[in-house]
Protein backbone atom coordinates (compact mmCIF):
# COMPACT_ATOMS: atom_id res chain seq x y z
CA MET A 1 226.02 -102.14 -168.59
CA PHE A 2 223.93 -101.61 -165.47
CA VAL A 3 223.03 -105.25 -164.83
CA LYS A 4 226.10 -106.33 -163.07
CA PRO A 5 226.27 -103.06 -160.74
CA LEU A 6 222.61 -102.99 -159.87
CA THR A 7 222.48 -106.86 -159.14
CA GLY A 8 225.77 -106.39 -157.07
CA GLU A 9 224.77 -103.19 -154.91
CA PHE A 10 220.93 -104.24 -154.25
CA GLY A 11 221.32 -108.13 -154.82
CA TRP A 12 218.27 -108.01 -157.24
CA GLY A 13 218.11 -111.12 -159.30
CA ARG A 14 218.54 -110.63 -163.01
CA SER A 15 215.03 -111.50 -163.73
CA VAL A 16 213.85 -109.12 -161.29
CA LEU A 17 215.63 -106.45 -163.62
CA THR A 18 214.05 -107.83 -166.84
CA GLY A 19 210.71 -107.99 -165.18
CA ALA A 20 210.52 -104.05 -165.50
CA ILE A 21 211.92 -103.89 -168.75
CA GLY A 22 209.33 -106.79 -169.81
CA ILE A 23 206.40 -104.50 -168.36
CA GLY A 24 207.51 -101.37 -170.15
CA THR A 25 208.09 -103.30 -173.30
CA VAL A 26 204.51 -104.65 -173.36
CA SER A 27 203.07 -101.24 -172.26
CA GLY A 28 204.86 -99.75 -175.17
CA GLY A 29 203.05 -102.14 -177.42
CA ILE A 30 199.84 -101.05 -176.15
CA LEU A 31 200.78 -97.39 -176.36
CA ALA A 32 201.97 -97.73 -179.91
CA LEU A 33 198.15 -98.63 -180.70
CA GLY A 34 197.17 -95.22 -180.48
CA VAL A 35 200.48 -93.40 -181.24
CA GLY A 36 200.66 -94.98 -184.77
CA GLN A 37 197.24 -93.26 -185.60
CA VAL A 38 198.60 -89.96 -184.11
CA ILE A 39 201.56 -89.92 -186.28
CA ASP A 40 199.66 -90.83 -189.40
CA LYS A 41 197.44 -87.90 -188.85
CA PHE A 42 199.62 -85.05 -187.03
CA GLY A 43 203.10 -86.46 -187.88
CA ALA A 44 205.81 -87.48 -185.16
CA LYS A 45 207.43 -84.17 -184.26
CA TRP A 46 205.79 -83.28 -180.84
CA VAL A 47 205.19 -86.95 -180.00
CA LEU A 48 209.05 -87.45 -180.10
CA ILE A 49 210.04 -84.06 -178.48
CA ILE A 50 207.85 -84.80 -175.33
CA GLY A 51 208.97 -88.21 -175.28
CA PHE A 52 212.54 -87.79 -175.43
CA LEU A 53 212.17 -84.86 -172.59
CA VAL A 54 210.34 -87.54 -170.31
CA CYS A 55 212.86 -90.19 -171.30
CA GLY A 56 215.82 -87.89 -170.12
CA VAL A 57 214.52 -86.27 -166.93
CA LEU A 58 213.78 -90.07 -165.72
CA MET A 59 217.33 -91.12 -166.65
CA VAL A 60 218.68 -88.28 -164.76
CA SER A 61 216.43 -89.35 -161.62
CA MET A 62 217.88 -92.77 -161.71
CA ALA A 63 221.33 -91.49 -160.65
CA ARG A 64 219.35 -90.81 -157.23
CA MET A 65 217.62 -94.16 -156.94
CA GLU A 66 217.53 -96.20 -153.85
CA SER A 67 214.41 -98.62 -154.18
CA LEU A 68 213.13 -101.06 -156.45
CA TRP A 69 210.02 -99.14 -157.26
CA HIS A 70 212.07 -96.22 -158.52
CA PHE A 71 213.78 -98.69 -160.73
CA TYR A 72 210.74 -100.00 -162.32
CA PHE A 73 208.99 -96.68 -162.60
CA VAL A 74 211.91 -95.41 -164.45
CA ILE A 75 212.54 -98.43 -166.66
CA ILE A 76 208.83 -99.27 -167.44
CA VAL A 77 208.13 -95.56 -168.59
CA VAL A 78 211.56 -95.18 -170.44
CA ARG A 79 210.93 -98.71 -172.24
CA MET A 80 207.39 -97.85 -173.10
CA LEU A 81 208.67 -94.58 -174.83
CA LEU A 82 211.25 -96.50 -176.87
CA GLN A 83 209.08 -99.25 -178.10
CA GLY A 84 205.72 -97.23 -178.42
CA VAL A 85 206.99 -93.91 -179.42
CA PHE A 86 210.52 -93.94 -180.58
CA ASN A 87 210.91 -96.77 -182.78
CA LEU A 88 207.57 -96.69 -184.11
CA ALA A 89 208.00 -92.85 -185.26
CA ASN A 90 211.27 -93.58 -186.90
CA ASN A 91 210.10 -96.42 -189.01
CA VAL A 92 206.86 -94.51 -190.12
CA VAL A 93 208.10 -91.07 -190.82
CA VAL A 94 210.79 -92.39 -193.17
CA ALA A 95 208.43 -94.86 -195.17
CA LYS A 96 206.36 -91.56 -195.58
CA TRP A 97 209.25 -89.84 -197.38
CA PHE A 98 210.41 -92.72 -199.48
CA TYR A 99 209.18 -95.69 -201.75
CA ARG A 100 211.30 -96.31 -204.78
CA LEU A 101 214.68 -95.37 -202.66
CA ARG A 102 212.91 -96.81 -199.39
CA GLY A 103 215.45 -99.48 -198.75
CA ARG A 104 218.62 -97.30 -198.57
CA ALA A 105 216.71 -94.45 -196.93
CA MET A 106 215.73 -96.41 -193.85
CA ALA A 107 219.28 -97.94 -193.77
CA ILE A 108 220.63 -94.67 -193.51
CA ALA A 109 218.06 -93.87 -190.64
CA ASP A 110 219.07 -97.00 -189.08
CA LEU A 111 222.62 -96.19 -188.75
CA GLY A 112 221.87 -93.83 -185.92
CA ARG A 113 220.67 -96.93 -184.05
CA SER A 114 223.73 -99.09 -184.82
CA GLY A 115 226.21 -96.20 -184.06
CA GLY A 116 224.39 -95.41 -180.74
CA ILE A 117 224.47 -98.63 -179.42
CA ALA A 118 228.26 -98.79 -179.99
CA PHE A 119 228.78 -95.58 -178.62
CA ILE A 120 226.76 -96.13 -175.57
CA ALA A 121 228.36 -99.55 -174.96
CA ILE A 122 231.82 -97.99 -174.57
CA PHE A 123 230.81 -94.75 -173.07
CA ALA A 124 228.69 -96.27 -170.26
CA GLN A 125 230.95 -98.86 -169.46
CA ALA A 126 233.89 -96.43 -169.18
CA VAL A 127 231.48 -94.15 -166.96
CA VAL A 128 230.58 -97.15 -164.86
CA THR A 129 233.90 -98.40 -164.37
CA ASN A 130 235.54 -94.92 -163.57
CA HIS A 131 232.61 -93.05 -161.80
CA GLY A 132 229.68 -95.61 -160.97
CA TRP A 133 226.60 -96.59 -162.43
CA ARG A 134 225.13 -93.53 -160.98
CA ALA A 135 227.12 -91.20 -162.93
CA ALA A 136 226.62 -93.20 -165.91
CA ALA A 137 222.60 -92.55 -165.55
CA LEU A 138 222.91 -88.99 -165.12
CA ALA A 139 225.28 -88.45 -168.01
CA LEU A 140 223.03 -90.81 -170.44
CA GLY A 141 219.83 -88.63 -169.17
CA ILE A 142 221.69 -85.52 -170.31
CA LEU A 143 222.81 -86.83 -173.72
CA THR A 144 219.23 -88.05 -174.43
CA CYS A 145 217.61 -84.61 -174.32
CA ALA A 146 220.81 -82.76 -175.79
CA LEU A 147 220.94 -84.85 -178.97
CA THR A 148 217.41 -85.11 -179.74
CA VAL A 149 215.24 -82.34 -178.79
CA ILE A 150 216.60 -79.34 -181.09
CA PRO A 151 217.34 -81.51 -184.28
CA ILE A 152 213.78 -82.77 -183.77
CA TYR A 153 212.08 -79.29 -183.49
CA LEU A 154 214.10 -77.73 -186.53
CA TRP A 155 214.01 -80.26 -189.11
CA LEU A 156 211.19 -83.32 -188.63
CA ARG A 157 208.48 -83.01 -191.02
CA LYS A 158 205.48 -85.08 -191.62
CA GLU A 159 206.00 -85.68 -195.15
CA PRO A 160 207.59 -84.41 -198.22
CA GLN A 161 204.70 -82.04 -199.31
CA GLN A 162 205.26 -79.97 -196.34
CA ILE A 163 208.55 -78.55 -197.75
CA GLY A 164 207.08 -78.73 -201.32
CA GLN A 165 208.61 -81.88 -202.36
CA VAL A 166 206.97 -85.34 -203.05
CA ILE A 167 208.16 -89.00 -202.29
CA ASP A 168 211.83 -89.62 -203.50
CA GLY A 169 212.26 -86.41 -204.27
CA ASP A 170 211.54 -86.85 -207.87
CA ASP A 171 211.72 -83.74 -209.88
CA THR A 172 209.47 -85.07 -212.41
CA ASN A 173 206.70 -86.01 -209.83
CA LEU A 174 207.38 -82.87 -208.22
CA GLN A 175 206.47 -80.88 -211.63
CA ILE A 176 203.44 -83.04 -212.21
CA LEU A 177 202.28 -82.16 -208.77
CA GLU A 178 202.88 -78.43 -209.00
CA GLU A 179 200.89 -78.60 -212.40
CA GLY A 180 197.99 -80.00 -210.67
CA ARG A 181 197.69 -82.96 -212.60
CA SER A 182 195.96 -85.82 -211.44
CA ALA A 183 197.26 -87.63 -208.23
CA SER A 184 195.99 -90.92 -209.59
CA GLY A 185 198.57 -90.44 -212.45
CA ILE A 186 201.56 -90.39 -210.23
CA GLY A 187 200.43 -92.73 -207.64
CA ALA A 188 202.13 -95.84 -208.97
CA PRO A 189 205.82 -94.58 -209.47
CA LEU A 190 205.51 -92.62 -206.15
CA THR A 191 204.05 -94.73 -203.40
CA GLY A 192 203.21 -98.19 -205.04
CA VAL A 193 200.02 -99.64 -203.58
CA SER A 194 198.53 -98.67 -200.23
CA PHE A 195 196.31 -100.80 -197.93
CA THR A 196 193.73 -99.51 -195.81
CA LEU A 197 193.80 -100.77 -192.44
CA THR A 198 190.70 -102.87 -192.95
CA GLN A 199 192.31 -104.46 -195.90
CA VAL A 200 195.44 -105.46 -193.95
CA LEU A 201 193.58 -106.98 -191.14
CA HIS A 202 192.09 -109.46 -193.89
CA SER A 203 195.46 -110.50 -195.25
CA GLY A 204 196.84 -113.79 -194.16
CA SER A 205 200.49 -112.48 -194.98
CA PHE A 206 200.14 -109.55 -192.36
CA TYR A 207 199.54 -112.14 -189.51
CA ILE A 208 202.52 -114.44 -190.84
CA LEU A 209 204.84 -111.38 -190.63
CA VAL A 210 203.75 -110.36 -187.04
CA ILE A 211 203.99 -114.14 -185.82
CA GLY A 212 207.48 -114.51 -187.70
CA PHE A 213 208.78 -111.26 -186.50
CA SER A 214 207.52 -111.53 -183.06
CA LEU A 215 209.03 -114.82 -182.50
CA SER A 216 212.55 -113.34 -184.05
CA HIS A 217 212.00 -110.39 -181.42
CA PHE A 218 211.81 -113.01 -178.45
CA VAL A 219 215.32 -114.53 -179.56
CA GLN A 220 217.01 -111.32 -180.67
CA ALA A 221 215.90 -109.39 -177.62
CA GLY A 222 216.93 -112.21 -175.30
CA VAL A 223 220.45 -112.51 -176.86
CA ALA A 224 220.97 -108.61 -176.83
CA PHE A 225 219.94 -108.00 -173.34
CA ASN A 226 221.95 -110.94 -171.86
CA LEU A 227 224.79 -110.44 -174.14
CA LEU A 228 227.45 -108.74 -171.90
CA PRO A 229 226.49 -110.70 -168.73
CA TYR A 230 226.48 -113.72 -170.84
CA MET A 231 230.13 -112.76 -171.86
CA ILE A 232 231.29 -112.29 -168.34
CA ASP A 233 229.87 -115.23 -167.07
CA ARG A 234 231.97 -117.10 -170.06
CA GLY A 235 235.17 -115.77 -168.61
CA ILE A 236 235.24 -112.41 -170.82
CA GLU A 237 236.40 -109.51 -168.88
CA ALA A 238 233.77 -106.41 -168.49
CA ASN A 239 235.73 -104.09 -170.65
CA GLN A 240 236.51 -106.98 -173.16
CA GLY A 241 232.81 -107.65 -173.27
CA ALA A 242 231.92 -103.77 -173.94
CA LEU A 243 234.39 -103.87 -176.73
CA VAL A 244 232.50 -107.13 -178.05
CA VAL A 245 229.27 -105.35 -177.84
CA SER A 246 230.74 -102.42 -179.68
CA ILE A 247 231.85 -104.60 -182.55
CA TRP A 248 228.39 -106.37 -182.66
CA SER A 249 226.83 -103.17 -182.76
CA LEU A 250 229.36 -101.08 -185.32
CA ILE A 251 229.27 -104.04 -187.82
CA GLY A 252 225.98 -103.13 -188.51
CA LEU A 253 226.73 -99.58 -189.65
CA PRO A 254 227.99 -100.76 -193.29
CA THR A 255 226.10 -103.73 -193.51
CA VAL A 256 222.57 -102.25 -192.73
CA PHE A 257 223.32 -99.80 -195.77
CA ILE A 258 224.19 -102.74 -197.83
CA ALA A 259 221.10 -104.29 -196.98
CA GLY A 260 219.00 -101.44 -197.74
CA MET A 261 220.30 -101.15 -200.99
CA LEU A 262 219.97 -104.95 -201.70
CA ARG A 263 216.31 -104.50 -200.95
CA ASP A 264 216.22 -101.91 -203.98
CA TYR A 265 217.21 -104.68 -206.20
CA PHE A 266 216.22 -108.23 -204.77
CA PRO A 267 212.91 -109.57 -203.62
CA ILE A 268 212.68 -108.86 -199.87
CA ARG A 269 211.52 -112.51 -199.08
CA ARG A 270 214.58 -113.97 -200.36
CA LEU A 271 216.63 -111.45 -198.46
CA LEU A 272 214.59 -112.18 -195.20
CA PHE A 273 215.38 -115.92 -195.68
CA VAL A 274 219.19 -115.21 -195.77
CA ILE A 275 219.18 -112.84 -192.75
CA LEU A 276 217.21 -115.34 -190.45
CA VAL A 277 219.77 -118.19 -191.40
CA GLY A 278 222.47 -115.86 -190.62
CA LEU A 279 220.83 -115.12 -187.26
CA THR A 280 220.55 -118.76 -186.53
CA LEU A 281 224.14 -119.17 -187.20
CA GLY A 282 225.04 -116.28 -184.98
CA VAL A 283 223.32 -117.94 -182.00
CA ILE A 284 224.67 -121.25 -182.48
CA ILE A 285 228.14 -119.41 -182.47
CA LEU A 286 227.20 -117.87 -179.26
CA THR A 287 226.72 -121.03 -177.25
CA GLN A 288 230.36 -121.77 -178.20
CA VAL A 289 231.98 -118.84 -176.74
CA GLU A 290 234.53 -119.55 -174.16
CA SER A 291 237.34 -117.00 -175.56
CA LEU A 292 237.48 -113.34 -176.83
CA SER A 293 238.17 -114.57 -180.31
CA VAL A 294 235.16 -116.93 -180.41
CA ALA A 295 233.33 -114.08 -179.07
CA VAL A 296 234.46 -111.59 -181.69
CA ILE A 297 233.25 -114.08 -184.36
CA PHE A 298 230.03 -114.19 -183.13
CA ALA A 299 229.75 -110.18 -182.80
CA VAL A 300 230.68 -110.21 -186.59
CA VAL A 301 228.42 -112.75 -187.74
CA HIS A 302 225.26 -112.08 -185.73
CA GLY A 303 225.86 -108.21 -185.72
CA ILE A 304 225.61 -108.26 -189.57
CA PHE A 305 222.29 -110.06 -189.68
CA PHE A 306 220.85 -108.48 -186.20
CA ALA A 307 221.26 -104.98 -187.98
CA ALA A 308 219.59 -106.27 -191.03
CA ILE A 309 216.58 -107.79 -189.58
CA LEU A 310 215.75 -104.70 -187.77
CA LEU A 311 215.99 -102.96 -190.95
CA PHE A 312 213.89 -105.70 -193.03
CA GLN A 313 210.96 -106.00 -190.50
CA ASN A 314 210.34 -102.35 -191.00
CA LEU A 315 210.71 -102.46 -194.76
CA ALA A 316 208.34 -105.58 -195.12
CA PHE A 317 205.44 -103.96 -193.65
CA ALA A 318 205.88 -100.77 -195.63
CA ASP A 319 206.60 -102.61 -198.94
CA TYR A 320 203.93 -105.10 -198.41
CA PHE A 321 200.83 -102.57 -197.29
CA GLY A 322 202.19 -99.04 -198.24
CA SER A 323 202.62 -95.88 -196.30
CA ASP A 324 199.50 -94.02 -195.89
CA ALA A 325 198.20 -96.25 -192.92
CA LEU A 326 201.53 -97.42 -191.74
CA GLY A 327 201.41 -95.92 -188.24
CA ALA A 328 198.16 -97.77 -187.80
CA ILE A 329 199.29 -100.92 -189.33
CA ARG A 330 202.54 -100.83 -186.92
CA GLY A 331 200.47 -99.90 -184.08
CA ILE A 332 198.24 -102.89 -184.49
CA ALA A 333 201.51 -105.25 -184.91
CA THR A 334 203.70 -103.88 -182.34
CA PRO A 335 201.69 -105.27 -179.13
CA THR A 336 202.44 -108.91 -180.02
CA GLN A 337 206.01 -108.04 -180.88
CA MET A 338 206.66 -106.18 -177.91
CA ILE A 339 205.06 -109.17 -175.79
CA CYS A 340 207.79 -111.31 -177.28
CA ASN A 341 210.60 -108.86 -176.84
CA ALA A 342 209.72 -108.69 -173.29
CA LEU A 343 209.62 -112.38 -172.84
CA GLY A 344 212.63 -113.13 -174.62
CA PRO A 345 214.94 -111.26 -171.92
CA PHE A 346 212.94 -112.31 -168.87
CA ALA A 347 213.01 -116.27 -170.00
CA ALA A 348 216.61 -116.00 -170.42
CA THR A 349 217.35 -114.55 -167.02
CA LEU A 350 214.84 -116.58 -165.47
CA VAL A 351 216.44 -119.63 -166.89
CA PHE A 352 219.93 -118.24 -165.63
CA ASP A 353 218.42 -117.58 -162.04
CA MET A 354 217.25 -121.35 -161.82
CA THR A 355 220.21 -123.08 -163.42
CA GLY A 356 223.12 -120.48 -163.39
CA ASP A 357 223.60 -120.71 -166.95
CA TYR A 358 222.04 -119.52 -170.20
CA ARG A 359 222.61 -122.69 -172.44
CA LEU A 360 219.32 -124.03 -172.49
CA ILE A 361 217.69 -120.85 -173.34
CA LEU A 362 220.02 -120.43 -176.14
CA TYR A 363 219.18 -124.02 -177.57
CA VAL A 364 215.46 -122.95 -177.62
CA TYR A 365 216.34 -119.91 -179.30
CA ILE A 366 217.80 -121.88 -182.21
CA LEU A 367 214.80 -123.95 -182.42
CA ILE A 368 212.60 -121.09 -182.80
CA MET A 369 214.74 -119.39 -185.59
CA VAL A 370 214.59 -122.56 -187.50
CA VAL A 371 210.70 -122.33 -187.26
CA VAL A 372 210.50 -118.52 -188.24
CA THR A 373 213.05 -119.06 -191.16
CA GLY A 374 210.43 -121.87 -192.65
CA LEU A 375 207.33 -119.76 -191.61
CA MET A 376 208.37 -116.85 -193.78
CA PHE A 377 208.13 -118.61 -196.71
CA PHE A 378 204.17 -118.43 -196.51
CA ALA A 379 204.20 -114.58 -196.29
CA THR A 380 203.46 -113.79 -199.96
CA PRO A 381 202.48 -110.10 -200.96
CA PRO A 382 198.87 -109.27 -200.77
CA ASN A 383 196.92 -109.05 -203.81
CA GLY A 384 197.04 -105.87 -205.56
CA GLY A 385 200.45 -105.21 -203.98
CA ARG A 386 203.55 -104.34 -206.14
CA ASN A 387 205.56 -107.39 -207.22
CA ILE A 388 208.22 -107.83 -204.34
CA ASN A 389 207.95 -111.46 -204.72
């Protein structure tokens, strides 16, 4: 929502804007190396509270921005927090509370992300259109603090044992726990198998998952960041483009929940294959956008599978390797993913600045998705893991 206004007022190229996002994204990956271990040991409450307060204050300060360094400082730090703290904490906390019902639990958690993107797209564009981008930055900063800090302080807990519960809230397992019977006797139904970080680093499947999801990040981040500018360049009006972005996000609300339930019944590798094929088809449709109707078709197709891939990359690491060291595991995986997350939008805007069109990078994205789809066939569950194949 800010790309067009900022480039119009300051004359900055689109690649200049994505440069800040790229630096922040990579820095967030590095930050996750330490944050993941902190969350495993102490929980996510205070990490998130401090992070959201900083994020909100910086967004408010952006309303008075006059220089490129100020923009870079705000975007780099906010992006670091998003990738290195917020996303990581959300994924790890939910996985520690659920195993048997993990698919639908993570899907419910992801509803907030999809709903948030849809709301912000319409809200921010309306404020930008009627009051300017500075007012939009101020409003988003206030919302960031108002909607996060108090709920996190009141309700977030590290693990179910802190409130006298066990994973999945199973009454039978809770009775076993209260009677003091051996934890090993209930370990399998509660948590499946958990691997140490050292064991994970010796698993070939871990590296396949990291590479596959990282390449997918390169593509999907590039598509998501440039979606509204691309629509406008293809002749779609700004308000119609914001509507397309909202449809793209809102379609994920029901589909992510369905995808989460499917995980509880079907092998995750097969579901991943279907999702990756759908994402590839979505990018192909994007290359053909010349009218609002085609843009809406793209939003529906790509939006369904985009929401699902965000969910399933979190499920895959938890299902393959367990939740005991999940924060550290995700912390190790995050830097590579965030580098690709940063390079995807930067590559797209760089191609646009050089050629005046996004078509070339979209064809590259399609080729990458074909490679990723084939790669995931080799990500077999590690020896000793539960049978998810």
